[in-house]
């Protein structure tokens, strides 16, 4: 279900089981570990995808499963 926020971006609310959250966390860890920008030698270069993955991982971690 999509609800437009005041800023114009969309928020989606989902019901997730702890196994779902654990899988998402594992996927984000894999994403962060295999960043192609970082692998190309740009270890200190900003990466928007990595920033978003870290942010999402932090929010999901607060929900439960480490």
Protein backbone atom coordinates (compact mmCIF):
# COMPACT_ATOMS: atom_id res chain seq x y z
CA UNK A 1 0.00 0.00 0.00
CA UNK A 2 1.52 3.32 -1.02
CA UNK A 3 0.93 6.54 0.91
CA UNK A 4 2.30 9.82 -0.49
CA UNK A 5 4.14 11.78 2.16
CA UNK A 6 4.27 15.55 2.52
CA UNK A 7 7.60 15.66 0.66
CA UNK A 8 6.12 13.94 -2.38
CA UNK A 9 8.00 10.66 -1.95
CA UNK A 10 6.18 7.39 -1.38
CA UNK A 11 6.27 5.26 1.75
CA UNK A 12 5.32 1.61 1.65
CA UNK A 13 4.23 -0.27 4.75
CA UNK A 14 4.86 -4.01 4.89
CA UNK A 15 4.36 -6.73 7.44
CA UNK A 16 7.55 -8.76 7.66
CA UNK A 17 8.38 -11.89 9.63
CA UNK A 18 11.70 -12.08 11.44
CA UNK A 19 12.96 -14.53 8.77
CA UNK A 20 12.13 -11.93 6.09
CA UNK A 21 14.09 -9.26 7.95
CA UNK A 22 17.03 -11.63 8.44
CA UNK A 23 17.09 -12.36 4.69
CA UNK A 24 16.96 -8.65 3.85
CA UNK A 25 19.82 -7.96 6.27
CA UNK A 26 21.91 -10.74 4.69
CA UNK A 27 21.20 -9.33 1.24
CA UNK A 28 22.21 -5.84 2.30
CA UNK A 29 25.42 -7.18 3.87
CA UNK A 30 26.21 -8.96 0.60
CA UNK A 31 25.45 -5.80 -1.38
CA UNK A 32 27.77 -3.73 0.80
CA UNK A 33 30.53 -6.36 0.65
CA UNK A 34 30.43 -6.62 -3.15
CA UNK A 35 30.09 -2.97 -4.19
CA UNK A 36 31.55 -2.68 -7.69
CA UNK A 37 32.58 0.94 -7.13
CA UNK A 38 34.60 -0.07 -4.07
CA UNK A 39 36.02 -3.11 -5.91
CA UNK A 40 37.19 -0.83 -8.72
CA UNK A 41 39.55 0.85 -6.25
CA UNK A 42 37.39 3.78 -5.21
CA UNK A 43 37.32 2.70 -1.55
CA UNK A 44 36.85 6.26 -0.25
CA UNK A 45 34.56 7.40 -3.06
CA UNK A 46 30.97 8.09 -2.07
CA UNK A 47 28.48 5.50 -3.27
CA UNK A 48 24.78 6.41 -3.08
CA UNK A 49 23.72 2.76 -3.26
CA UNK A 50 25.98 1.84 -0.34
CA UNK A 51 24.73 4.84 1.64
CA UNK A 52 21.13 3.78 1.06
CA UNK A 53 21.92 0.14 1.87
CA UNK A 54 23.60 1.13 5.16
CA UNK A 55 20.65 3.36 6.06
CA UNK A 56 18.10 0.64 5.28
CA UNK A 57 20.17 -1.97 7.13
CA UNK A 58 20.26 0.24 10.21
CA UNK A 59 16.48 0.74 10.13
CA UNK A 60 15.82 -2.98 9.64
CA UNK A 61 18.22 -3.89 12.44
CA UNK A 62 16.14 -1.84 14.85
CA UNK A 63 13.16 -4.11 14.08
CA UNK A 64 14.75 -7.19 15.54
CA UNK A 65 16.90 -9.84 13.90
CA UNK A 66 20.64 -9.05 13.96
